[in-house]
N, C-alpha and C. Protein backbone atom coordinates (compact mmCIF):
# COMPACT_ATOMS: atom_id res chain seq x y z
N MET A 1 7.92 10.80 23.19
CA MET A 1 6.53 11.12 22.92
C MET A 1 5.69 9.84 22.93
N THR A 2 4.55 9.89 23.58
CA THR A 2 3.66 8.74 23.54
C THR A 2 3.12 8.58 22.13
N SER A 3 2.61 7.39 21.84
CA SER A 3 2.14 7.16 20.46
C SER A 3 0.97 8.08 20.11
N ARG A 4 0.12 8.40 21.08
CA ARG A 4 -1.00 9.32 20.81
C ARG A 4 -0.49 10.72 20.51
N LYS A 5 0.49 11.17 21.30
CA LYS A 5 1.07 12.50 21.06
C LYS A 5 1.81 12.53 19.72
N GLN A 6 2.52 11.45 19.44
CA GLN A 6 3.27 11.37 18.19
C GLN A 6 2.31 11.39 17.00
N GLU A 7 1.19 10.69 17.14
CA GLU A 7 0.18 10.66 16.09
C GLU A 7 -0.35 12.07 15.82
N LYS A 8 -0.62 12.81 16.88
CA LYS A 8 -1.13 14.18 16.74
C LYS A 8 -0.06 15.09 16.12
N TYR A 9 1.19 14.89 16.52
CA TYR A 9 2.31 15.67 15.98
C TYR A 9 2.36 15.52 14.45
N PHE A 10 2.28 14.27 13.97
CA PHE A 10 2.34 14.04 12.53
C PHE A 10 1.07 14.51 11.83
N LEU A 11 -0.04 14.44 12.51
CA LEU A 11 -1.30 14.97 11.96
C LEU A 11 -1.18 16.47 11.72
N ILE A 12 -0.58 17.17 12.68
CA ILE A 12 -0.37 18.62 12.54
C ILE A 12 0.59 18.91 11.40
N LEU A 13 1.68 18.13 11.30
CA LEU A 13 2.64 18.36 10.21
C LEU A 13 2.01 18.11 8.84
N ASP A 14 1.22 17.06 8.73
CA ASP A 14 0.54 16.78 7.45
C ASP A 14 -0.42 17.91 7.09
N ALA A 15 -1.14 18.40 8.09
CA ALA A 15 -2.06 19.52 7.86
C ALA A 15 -1.28 20.76 7.44
N ALA A 16 -0.17 21.00 8.11
CA ALA A 16 0.66 22.17 7.79
C ALA A 16 1.18 22.09 6.37
N LEU A 17 1.59 20.91 5.94
CA LEU A 17 2.10 20.74 4.58
C LEU A 17 1.02 21.14 3.57
N LYS A 18 -0.19 20.67 3.79
CA LYS A 18 -1.28 20.98 2.87
C LYS A 18 -1.61 22.47 2.88
N VAL A 19 -1.75 23.03 4.08
CA VAL A 19 -2.13 24.44 4.21
C VAL A 19 -1.04 25.36 3.63
N ILE A 20 0.22 25.07 3.92
CA ILE A 20 1.31 25.91 3.42
C ILE A 20 1.42 25.79 1.90
N ALA A 21 1.22 24.59 1.37
CA ALA A 21 1.26 24.42 -0.09
C ALA A 21 0.15 25.22 -0.77
N GLU A 22 -1.01 25.29 -0.13
CA GLU A 22 -2.15 25.99 -0.72
C GLU A 22 -2.10 27.51 -0.52
N ASN A 23 -1.57 27.96 0.62
CA ASN A 23 -1.65 29.38 0.98
C ASN A 23 -0.30 30.08 1.10
N GLY A 24 0.79 29.36 0.98
CA GLY A 24 2.10 29.94 1.23
C GLY A 24 2.33 30.02 2.74
N PHE A 25 3.58 30.08 3.14
CA PHE A 25 3.90 30.09 4.57
C PHE A 25 3.29 31.31 5.26
N HIS A 26 3.46 32.47 4.65
CA HIS A 26 2.98 33.69 5.30
C HIS A 26 1.46 33.78 5.32
N GLY A 27 0.79 33.12 4.40
CA GLY A 27 -0.67 33.12 4.36
C GLY A 27 -1.29 31.98 5.15
N SER A 28 -0.46 31.22 5.83
CA SER A 28 -0.94 30.06 6.59
C SER A 28 -0.96 30.35 8.08
N GLN A 29 -2.10 30.80 8.53
CA GLN A 29 -2.24 31.06 9.96
C GLN A 29 -2.31 29.73 10.72
N VAL A 30 -1.87 29.78 11.96
CA VAL A 30 -1.91 28.60 12.82
C VAL A 30 -3.35 28.08 12.91
N SER A 31 -4.31 28.99 12.92
CA SER A 31 -5.72 28.57 13.01
C SER A 31 -6.13 27.72 11.80
N LYS A 32 -5.60 28.05 10.60
CA LYS A 32 -5.89 27.25 9.40
C LYS A 32 -5.28 25.84 9.53
N ILE A 33 -4.07 25.79 10.05
CA ILE A 33 -3.39 24.50 10.24
C ILE A 33 -4.16 23.66 11.26
N ALA A 34 -4.57 24.30 12.36
CA ALA A 34 -5.32 23.60 13.40
C ALA A 34 -6.64 23.06 12.84
N LYS A 35 -7.33 23.88 12.06
CA LYS A 35 -8.61 23.45 11.48
C LYS A 35 -8.40 22.25 10.56
N GLU A 36 -7.37 22.32 9.71
CA GLU A 36 -7.08 21.21 8.79
C GLU A 36 -6.73 19.94 9.56
N ALA A 37 -6.03 20.10 10.69
CA ALA A 37 -5.62 18.95 11.50
C ALA A 37 -6.76 18.44 12.39
N GLY A 38 -7.80 19.26 12.53
CA GLY A 38 -8.91 18.88 13.38
C GLY A 38 -8.60 18.99 14.86
N VAL A 39 -7.75 19.98 15.20
CA VAL A 39 -7.39 20.21 16.61
C VAL A 39 -7.66 21.68 16.96
N ALA A 40 -7.68 21.96 18.24
CA ALA A 40 -7.84 23.34 18.69
C ALA A 40 -6.55 24.12 18.43
N ASP A 41 -6.69 25.44 18.21
CA ASP A 41 -5.52 26.29 17.94
C ASP A 41 -4.45 26.10 19.01
N GLY A 42 -4.87 26.07 20.27
CA GLY A 42 -3.92 25.94 21.38
C GLY A 42 -3.14 24.64 21.37
N THR A 43 -3.72 23.61 20.78
CA THR A 43 -3.05 22.32 20.70
C THR A 43 -1.74 22.43 19.91
N ILE A 44 -1.76 23.25 18.87
CA ILE A 44 -0.56 23.44 18.05
C ILE A 44 0.61 23.88 18.92
N TYR A 45 0.32 24.78 19.87
CA TYR A 45 1.38 25.34 20.70
C TYR A 45 1.88 24.36 21.77
N LEU A 46 1.22 23.24 21.92
CA LEU A 46 1.74 22.19 22.81
C LEU A 46 2.91 21.47 22.13
N TYR A 47 2.95 21.58 20.80
CA TYR A 47 3.97 20.87 20.02
C TYR A 47 5.02 21.82 19.42
N PHE A 48 4.61 23.04 19.15
CA PHE A 48 5.48 24.00 18.48
C PHE A 48 5.37 25.37 19.15
N LYS A 49 6.51 26.02 19.36
CA LYS A 49 6.50 27.34 20.01
C LYS A 49 5.93 28.42 19.09
N LYS A 50 6.28 28.32 17.80
CA LYS A 50 5.83 29.33 16.83
C LYS A 50 5.66 28.68 15.46
N LYS A 51 5.03 29.38 14.56
CA LYS A 51 4.73 28.83 13.23
C LYS A 51 6.00 28.40 12.50
N GLU A 52 7.09 29.13 12.66
CA GLU A 52 8.35 28.78 11.99
C GLU A 52 8.83 27.39 12.42
N ASP A 53 8.57 27.03 13.66
CA ASP A 53 8.98 25.71 14.16
C ASP A 53 8.23 24.59 13.44
N ILE A 54 7.01 24.88 13.02
CA ILE A 54 6.24 23.88 12.26
C ILE A 54 6.94 23.61 10.94
N LEU A 55 7.34 24.67 10.24
CA LEU A 55 8.00 24.52 8.94
C LEU A 55 9.34 23.80 9.10
N ILE A 56 10.10 24.17 10.12
CA ILE A 56 11.39 23.51 10.36
C ILE A 56 11.17 22.02 10.63
N SER A 57 10.20 21.69 11.48
CA SER A 57 9.91 20.28 11.80
C SER A 57 9.44 19.53 10.57
N LEU A 58 8.67 20.20 9.74
CA LEU A 58 8.19 19.60 8.51
C LEU A 58 9.38 19.18 7.63
N PHE A 59 10.33 20.07 7.47
CA PHE A 59 11.53 19.75 6.68
C PHE A 59 12.33 18.64 7.34
N GLN A 60 12.51 18.70 8.65
CA GLN A 60 13.27 17.67 9.35
C GLN A 60 12.66 16.29 9.14
N GLU A 61 11.37 16.20 9.30
CA GLU A 61 10.69 14.91 9.17
C GLU A 61 10.68 14.41 7.73
N LYS A 62 10.27 15.26 6.81
CA LYS A 62 10.13 14.83 5.41
C LYS A 62 11.49 14.53 4.78
N LEU A 63 12.47 15.40 5.01
CA LEU A 63 13.81 15.14 4.44
C LEU A 63 14.48 13.98 5.15
N GLY A 64 14.20 13.84 6.44
CA GLY A 64 14.73 12.68 7.18
C GLY A 64 14.20 11.38 6.59
N ASP A 65 12.91 11.35 6.25
CA ASP A 65 12.31 10.17 5.62
C ASP A 65 12.96 9.90 4.25
N LEU A 66 13.18 10.96 3.49
CA LEU A 66 13.80 10.81 2.17
C LEU A 66 15.21 10.25 2.29
N VAL A 67 16.00 10.79 3.20
CA VAL A 67 17.38 10.32 3.38
C VAL A 67 17.37 8.86 3.81
N GLU A 68 16.42 8.47 4.62
CA GLU A 68 16.28 7.07 5.02
C GLU A 68 16.02 6.19 3.81
N ARG A 69 15.12 6.66 2.94
CA ARG A 69 14.84 5.91 1.70
C ARG A 69 16.07 5.82 0.82
N PHE A 70 16.82 6.92 0.71
CA PHE A 70 18.06 6.91 -0.08
C PHE A 70 19.01 5.85 0.47
N ASN A 71 19.25 5.89 1.77
CA ASN A 71 20.21 4.97 2.39
C ASN A 71 19.80 3.52 2.20
N THR A 72 18.52 3.24 2.35
CA THR A 72 18.03 1.87 2.16
C THR A 72 18.29 1.40 0.73
N ARG A 73 17.97 2.25 -0.21
CA ARG A 73 18.15 1.90 -1.63
C ARG A 73 19.63 1.82 -2.02
N ILE A 74 20.43 2.71 -1.48
CA ILE A 74 21.86 2.72 -1.82
C ILE A 74 22.55 1.45 -1.34
N ARG A 75 22.10 0.91 -0.21
CA ARG A 75 22.69 -0.35 0.28
C ARG A 75 22.47 -1.48 -0.71
N GLU A 76 21.47 -1.34 -1.57
CA GLU A 76 21.16 -2.37 -2.57
C GLU A 76 21.96 -2.18 -3.87
N THR A 77 22.71 -1.08 -3.96
CA THR A 77 23.46 -0.80 -5.19
C THR A 77 24.91 -1.26 -5.06
N ALA A 78 25.52 -1.58 -6.19
CA ALA A 78 26.90 -2.06 -6.19
C ALA A 78 27.90 -0.95 -6.51
N THR A 79 27.48 0.03 -7.31
CA THR A 79 28.42 1.06 -7.75
C THR A 79 27.91 2.46 -7.41
N ALA A 80 28.82 3.41 -7.50
CA ALA A 80 28.46 4.80 -7.25
C ALA A 80 27.48 5.30 -8.32
N GLU A 81 27.65 4.84 -9.56
CA GLU A 81 26.72 5.23 -10.64
C GLU A 81 25.30 4.78 -10.32
N GLU A 82 25.16 3.53 -9.86
CA GLU A 82 23.85 3.01 -9.49
C GLU A 82 23.26 3.79 -8.32
N ALA A 83 24.11 4.13 -7.36
CA ALA A 83 23.66 4.89 -6.19
C ALA A 83 23.16 6.27 -6.60
N LEU A 84 23.88 6.92 -7.50
CA LEU A 84 23.48 8.24 -7.97
C LEU A 84 22.14 8.16 -8.70
N ARG A 85 21.97 7.14 -9.51
CA ARG A 85 20.70 6.94 -10.21
C ARG A 85 19.57 6.72 -9.20
N ALA A 86 19.82 5.93 -8.18
CA ALA A 86 18.81 5.66 -7.16
C ALA A 86 18.38 6.95 -6.45
N VAL A 87 19.34 7.80 -6.13
CA VAL A 87 19.03 9.07 -5.46
C VAL A 87 18.17 9.94 -6.37
N CYS A 88 18.54 10.04 -7.63
CA CYS A 88 17.78 10.86 -8.57
C CYS A 88 16.36 10.30 -8.75
N GLU A 89 16.23 8.98 -8.86
CA GLU A 89 14.91 8.36 -9.01
C GLU A 89 14.02 8.65 -7.81
N ILE A 90 14.56 8.48 -6.63
CA ILE A 90 13.77 8.70 -5.41
C ILE A 90 13.42 10.18 -5.27
N HIS A 91 14.39 11.04 -5.53
CA HIS A 91 14.16 12.50 -5.42
C HIS A 91 13.00 12.91 -6.32
N PHE A 92 13.08 12.54 -7.59
CA PHE A 92 12.05 12.95 -8.55
C PHE A 92 10.71 12.27 -8.27
N SER A 93 10.71 10.99 -7.99
CA SER A 93 9.44 10.29 -7.78
C SER A 93 8.77 10.73 -6.48
N ALA A 94 9.53 10.94 -5.42
CA ALA A 94 8.93 11.36 -4.14
C ALA A 94 8.24 12.71 -4.29
N LEU A 95 8.87 13.63 -5.00
CA LEU A 95 8.28 14.96 -5.15
C LEU A 95 7.16 14.98 -6.19
N GLU A 96 7.29 14.14 -7.21
CA GLU A 96 6.20 14.06 -8.18
C GLU A 96 4.95 13.45 -7.54
N ASN A 97 5.15 12.52 -6.61
CA ASN A 97 4.03 11.85 -5.95
C ASN A 97 3.46 12.63 -4.77
N ASP A 98 4.15 13.67 -4.34
CA ASP A 98 3.66 14.51 -3.24
C ASP A 98 3.86 15.97 -3.64
N VAL A 99 2.93 16.47 -4.44
CA VAL A 99 3.04 17.82 -4.99
C VAL A 99 3.08 18.87 -3.89
N ASN A 100 2.35 18.65 -2.80
CA ASN A 100 2.40 19.60 -1.69
C ASN A 100 3.82 19.71 -1.13
N LEU A 101 4.47 18.57 -0.96
CA LEU A 101 5.85 18.58 -0.47
C LEU A 101 6.77 19.27 -1.48
N ALA A 102 6.56 18.98 -2.75
CA ALA A 102 7.37 19.62 -3.79
C ALA A 102 7.21 21.13 -3.73
N TYR A 103 5.98 21.58 -3.62
CA TYR A 103 5.74 23.02 -3.59
C TYR A 103 6.40 23.66 -2.37
N VAL A 104 6.23 23.05 -1.21
CA VAL A 104 6.79 23.63 0.01
C VAL A 104 8.31 23.62 -0.03
N THR A 105 8.92 22.52 -0.48
CA THR A 105 10.39 22.47 -0.50
C THR A 105 10.99 23.35 -1.58
N GLN A 106 10.30 23.51 -2.69
CA GLN A 106 10.89 24.25 -3.81
C GLN A 106 10.54 25.73 -3.80
N ILE A 107 9.33 26.07 -3.47
CA ILE A 107 8.89 27.45 -3.58
C ILE A 107 8.94 28.17 -2.24
N GLU A 108 8.37 27.59 -1.23
CA GLU A 108 8.28 28.27 0.07
C GLU A 108 9.64 28.52 0.71
N LEU A 109 10.52 27.56 0.58
CA LEU A 109 11.85 27.72 1.19
C LEU A 109 12.55 28.96 0.67
N ARG A 110 12.40 29.24 -0.58
CA ARG A 110 13.08 30.39 -1.19
C ARG A 110 12.47 31.73 -0.75
N GLN A 111 11.25 31.68 -0.25
CA GLN A 111 10.58 32.92 0.17
C GLN A 111 10.69 33.15 1.67
N SER A 112 11.33 32.24 2.38
CA SER A 112 11.45 32.35 3.83
C SER A 112 12.59 33.29 4.20
N SER A 113 12.60 33.69 5.45
CA SER A 113 13.67 34.56 5.95
C SER A 113 15.00 33.81 5.96
N LEU A 114 16.08 34.56 5.98
CA LEU A 114 17.42 33.96 6.00
C LEU A 114 17.58 33.05 7.22
N GLU A 115 17.09 33.51 8.36
CA GLU A 115 17.21 32.73 9.59
C GLU A 115 16.47 31.39 9.47
N LEU A 116 15.30 31.44 8.89
CA LEU A 116 14.51 30.22 8.70
C LEU A 116 15.18 29.30 7.68
N ARG A 117 15.71 29.86 6.61
CA ARG A 117 16.42 29.05 5.60
C ARG A 117 17.64 28.37 6.20
N LYS A 118 18.34 29.07 7.10
CA LYS A 118 19.51 28.46 7.75
C LYS A 118 19.09 27.27 8.62
N ALA A 119 18.01 27.44 9.36
CA ALA A 119 17.51 26.35 10.22
C ALA A 119 17.10 25.15 9.38
N ILE A 120 16.41 25.41 8.27
CA ILE A 120 15.98 24.33 7.39
C ILE A 120 17.19 23.71 6.69
N GLY A 121 18.21 24.52 6.41
CA GLY A 121 19.44 24.03 5.79
C GLY A 121 20.08 22.90 6.58
N LEU A 122 19.92 22.92 7.89
CA LEU A 122 20.46 21.84 8.72
C LEU A 122 19.77 20.51 8.40
N SER A 123 18.52 20.57 7.97
CA SER A 123 17.79 19.36 7.58
C SER A 123 18.27 18.83 6.24
N VAL A 124 18.76 19.73 5.39
CA VAL A 124 19.23 19.36 4.05
C VAL A 124 20.64 18.77 4.12
N LYS A 125 21.39 19.12 5.14
CA LYS A 125 22.80 18.72 5.24
C LYS A 125 23.03 17.21 5.11
N PRO A 126 22.25 16.34 5.77
CA PRO A 126 22.48 14.90 5.59
C PRO A 126 22.31 14.44 4.14
N TYR A 127 21.42 15.09 3.41
CA TYR A 127 21.21 14.76 2.00
C TYR A 127 22.45 15.14 1.18
N ILE A 128 22.98 16.33 1.43
CA ILE A 128 24.19 16.78 0.72
C ILE A 128 25.36 15.85 1.05
N GLU A 129 25.46 15.45 2.31
CA GLU A 129 26.54 14.55 2.73
C GLU A 129 26.40 13.19 2.07
N LEU A 130 25.18 12.72 1.89
CA LEU A 130 24.94 11.45 1.22
C LEU A 130 25.46 11.50 -0.22
N ILE A 131 25.17 12.59 -0.91
CA ILE A 131 25.68 12.76 -2.29
C ILE A 131 27.20 12.79 -2.27
N GLU A 132 27.77 13.47 -1.28
CA GLU A 132 29.22 13.53 -1.15
C GLU A 132 29.83 12.12 -1.00
N HIS A 133 29.19 11.27 -0.19
CA HIS A 133 29.70 9.90 0.00
C HIS A 133 29.63 9.08 -1.28
N ILE A 134 28.59 9.31 -2.07
CA ILE A 134 28.49 8.62 -3.36
C ILE A 134 29.63 9.06 -4.27
N LEU A 135 29.91 10.35 -4.30
CA LEU A 135 31.00 10.86 -5.14
C LEU A 135 32.34 10.30 -4.69
N GLU A 136 32.57 10.27 -3.39
CA GLU A 136 33.82 9.72 -2.85
C GLU A 136 33.97 8.25 -3.24
N LYS A 137 32.88 7.51 -3.16
CA LYS A 137 32.90 6.10 -3.55
C LYS A 137 33.25 5.96 -5.04
N GLY A 138 32.65 6.82 -5.87
CA GLY A 138 32.94 6.77 -7.30
C GLY A 138 34.39 7.06 -7.61
N VAL A 139 34.98 7.99 -6.89
CA VAL A 139 36.41 8.30 -7.08
C VAL A 139 37.24 7.10 -6.63
N ARG A 140 36.91 6.52 -5.47
CA ARG A 140 37.65 5.36 -4.96
C ARG A 140 37.59 4.17 -5.91
N GLU A 141 36.41 3.92 -6.47
CA GLU A 141 36.27 2.76 -7.35
C GLU A 141 36.76 3.04 -8.77
N GLY A 142 37.15 4.29 -9.05
CA GLY A 142 37.71 4.64 -10.36
C GLY A 142 36.68 4.93 -11.43
N SER A 143 35.41 5.00 -11.07
CA SER A 143 34.39 5.29 -12.08
C SER A 143 34.18 6.80 -12.25
N PHE A 144 34.62 7.60 -11.27
CA PHE A 144 34.56 9.06 -11.37
C PHE A 144 35.97 9.61 -11.41
N ARG A 145 36.12 10.77 -12.04
CA ARG A 145 37.42 11.42 -12.18
C ARG A 145 38.13 11.57 -10.83
N GLN A 146 39.43 11.38 -10.85
CA GLN A 146 40.24 11.52 -9.64
C GLN A 146 40.37 12.98 -9.21
N ASP A 147 40.27 13.90 -10.18
CA ASP A 147 40.44 15.33 -9.86
C ASP A 147 39.11 16.03 -9.54
N LEU A 148 38.09 15.24 -9.24
CA LEU A 148 36.76 15.78 -8.96
C LEU A 148 36.77 16.65 -7.71
N ASP A 149 36.21 17.84 -7.83
CA ASP A 149 36.02 18.71 -6.66
C ASP A 149 34.72 18.26 -6.00
N ILE A 150 34.83 17.38 -5.02
CA ILE A 150 33.67 16.73 -4.43
C ILE A 150 32.73 17.72 -3.74
N LYS A 151 33.28 18.67 -3.02
CA LYS A 151 32.43 19.64 -2.30
C LYS A 151 31.58 20.47 -3.27
N LEU A 152 32.18 20.91 -4.36
CA LEU A 152 31.43 21.67 -5.35
C LEU A 152 30.45 20.77 -6.11
N THR A 153 30.91 19.59 -6.49
CA THR A 153 30.09 18.70 -7.31
C THR A 153 28.84 18.24 -6.57
N ARG A 154 28.95 17.99 -5.27
CA ARG A 154 27.77 17.55 -4.51
C ARG A 154 26.68 18.63 -4.57
N LEU A 155 27.10 19.89 -4.52
CA LEU A 155 26.14 21.00 -4.59
C LEU A 155 25.54 21.13 -5.99
N LEU A 156 26.37 20.91 -7.01
CA LEU A 156 25.88 21.00 -8.38
C LEU A 156 24.85 19.91 -8.68
N ILE A 157 25.09 18.71 -8.16
CA ILE A 157 24.14 17.61 -8.38
C ILE A 157 22.84 17.90 -7.64
N PHE A 158 22.95 18.27 -6.37
CA PHE A 158 21.74 18.60 -5.61
C PHE A 158 21.00 19.77 -6.27
N GLY A 159 21.74 20.80 -6.64
CA GLY A 159 21.14 21.97 -7.27
C GLY A 159 20.49 21.65 -8.60
N GLY A 160 21.09 20.75 -9.36
CA GLY A 160 20.51 20.34 -10.64
C GLY A 160 19.17 19.65 -10.46
N MET A 161 19.12 18.72 -9.50
CA MET A 161 17.85 18.03 -9.24
C MET A 161 16.82 19.01 -8.68
N ASP A 162 17.26 19.87 -7.81
CA ASP A 162 16.40 20.88 -7.20
C ASP A 162 15.77 21.78 -8.27
N GLU A 163 16.58 22.25 -9.18
CA GLU A 163 16.08 23.13 -10.25
C GLU A 163 15.15 22.39 -11.20
N ALA A 164 15.43 21.11 -11.46
CA ALA A 164 14.54 20.32 -12.32
C ALA A 164 13.14 20.24 -11.71
N VAL A 165 13.07 20.07 -10.39
CA VAL A 165 11.77 20.00 -9.71
C VAL A 165 11.08 21.36 -9.75
N THR A 166 11.83 22.42 -9.50
CA THR A 166 11.26 23.77 -9.52
C THR A 166 10.69 24.09 -10.91
N SER A 167 11.43 23.77 -11.95
CA SER A 167 10.96 24.03 -13.32
C SER A 167 9.71 23.22 -13.63
N TRP A 168 9.66 22.00 -13.16
CA TRP A 168 8.49 21.14 -13.35
C TRP A 168 7.26 21.76 -12.69
N LEU A 169 7.43 22.27 -11.47
CA LEU A 169 6.32 22.92 -10.77
C LEU A 169 5.87 24.18 -11.51
N ILE A 170 6.83 25.01 -11.89
CA ILE A 170 6.52 26.28 -12.56
C ILE A 170 5.81 26.03 -13.89
N SER A 171 6.15 24.92 -14.56
CA SER A 171 5.52 24.60 -15.85
C SER A 171 4.07 24.14 -15.67
N GLY A 172 3.66 23.96 -14.42
CA GLY A 172 2.32 23.45 -14.18
C GLY A 172 2.28 21.93 -14.23
N MET A 173 3.45 21.31 -14.05
CA MET A 173 3.56 19.84 -14.04
C MET A 173 3.05 19.24 -15.35
N LYS A 174 3.43 19.86 -16.46
CA LYS A 174 2.94 19.46 -17.78
C LYS A 174 3.62 18.21 -18.33
N TYR A 175 4.61 17.70 -17.62
CA TYR A 175 5.33 16.50 -18.07
C TYR A 175 5.68 15.68 -16.84
N SER A 176 6.15 14.49 -17.07
CA SER A 176 6.52 13.60 -15.97
C SER A 176 7.90 13.96 -15.45
N LEU A 177 7.98 14.20 -14.16
CA LEU A 177 9.28 14.49 -13.55
C LEU A 177 10.15 13.24 -13.53
N THR A 178 9.56 12.09 -13.23
CA THR A 178 10.36 10.86 -13.18
C THR A 178 10.90 10.47 -14.56
N ALA A 179 10.25 10.95 -15.62
CA ALA A 179 10.75 10.68 -16.97
C ALA A 179 12.05 11.44 -17.24
N GLN A 180 12.41 12.36 -16.36
CA GLN A 180 13.64 13.15 -16.52
C GLN A 180 14.86 12.48 -15.88
N VAL A 181 14.66 11.36 -15.20
CA VAL A 181 15.75 10.71 -14.46
C VAL A 181 16.90 10.32 -15.39
N ASP A 182 16.61 9.60 -16.47
CA ASP A 182 17.69 9.11 -17.36
C ASP A 182 18.53 10.26 -17.91
N LYS A 183 17.88 11.30 -18.40
CA LYS A 183 18.62 12.44 -18.96
C LYS A 183 19.43 13.15 -17.88
N SER A 184 18.86 13.26 -16.70
CA SER A 184 19.56 13.94 -15.60
C SER A 184 20.79 13.16 -15.18
N VAL A 185 20.63 11.85 -14.98
CA VAL A 185 21.76 11.01 -14.56
C VAL A 185 22.82 10.98 -15.65
N ASP A 186 22.41 10.89 -16.90
CA ASP A 186 23.36 10.92 -18.01
C ASP A 186 24.18 12.22 -17.99
N PHE A 187 23.51 13.33 -17.76
CA PHE A 187 24.19 14.63 -17.69
C PHE A 187 25.21 14.65 -16.54
N PHE A 188 24.78 14.17 -15.37
CA PHE A 188 25.70 14.16 -14.21
C PHE A 188 26.91 13.27 -14.49
N LEU A 189 26.66 12.09 -15.06
CA LEU A 189 27.76 11.13 -15.28
C LEU A 189 28.76 11.65 -16.31
N ARG A 190 28.31 12.39 -17.29
CA ARG A 190 29.24 12.97 -18.28
C ARG A 190 30.23 13.92 -17.61
N GLY A 191 29.78 14.62 -16.60
CA GLY A 191 30.67 15.53 -15.88
C GLY A 191 31.54 14.83 -14.85
N LEU A 192 31.10 13.67 -14.41
CA LEU A 192 31.82 12.95 -13.34
C LEU A 192 32.94 12.05 -13.87
N LYS A 193 32.85 11.66 -15.14
CA LYS A 193 33.82 10.70 -15.67
C LYS A 193 35.02 11.37 -16.32
């Protein structure tokens, strides 16, 4: 993609994030997204075949950016415990700082069709695998239990953080999500050791 086309692509995704957060996926017509992006309706279809493709691309891009941030930060950590803390900090702070993204990832995904959730699930897979690698490292270094069921535990950790964000949104964001990092990591580590 040329830089101009790439710029427009991300402009459309940013507009879609805002419109979907405000109106829900089903209430977000392509025309609303186009208007928010400042492009003609037909321009959207130069980049996406259908509205569902916009949501899938949104997840791919945003979760891809998050996983990149995780990997960068994890390279700076010495232990699996530090890596797990870094993931939780980034997860909570990224979503607290981008409420539209939090709303779309936490609420809209659950209301989408099974087919759409499966497609978006492919975007989540690298994140789940990253947690799995942290757990494997913790077992190797002896800081996590040797009998740890890594496949199940990676889902429990992801699900725990996911539910913490959902509860924060449902509460009307009445407290700091990032202030929950220490308690969350402490809870995870008690089960891992």
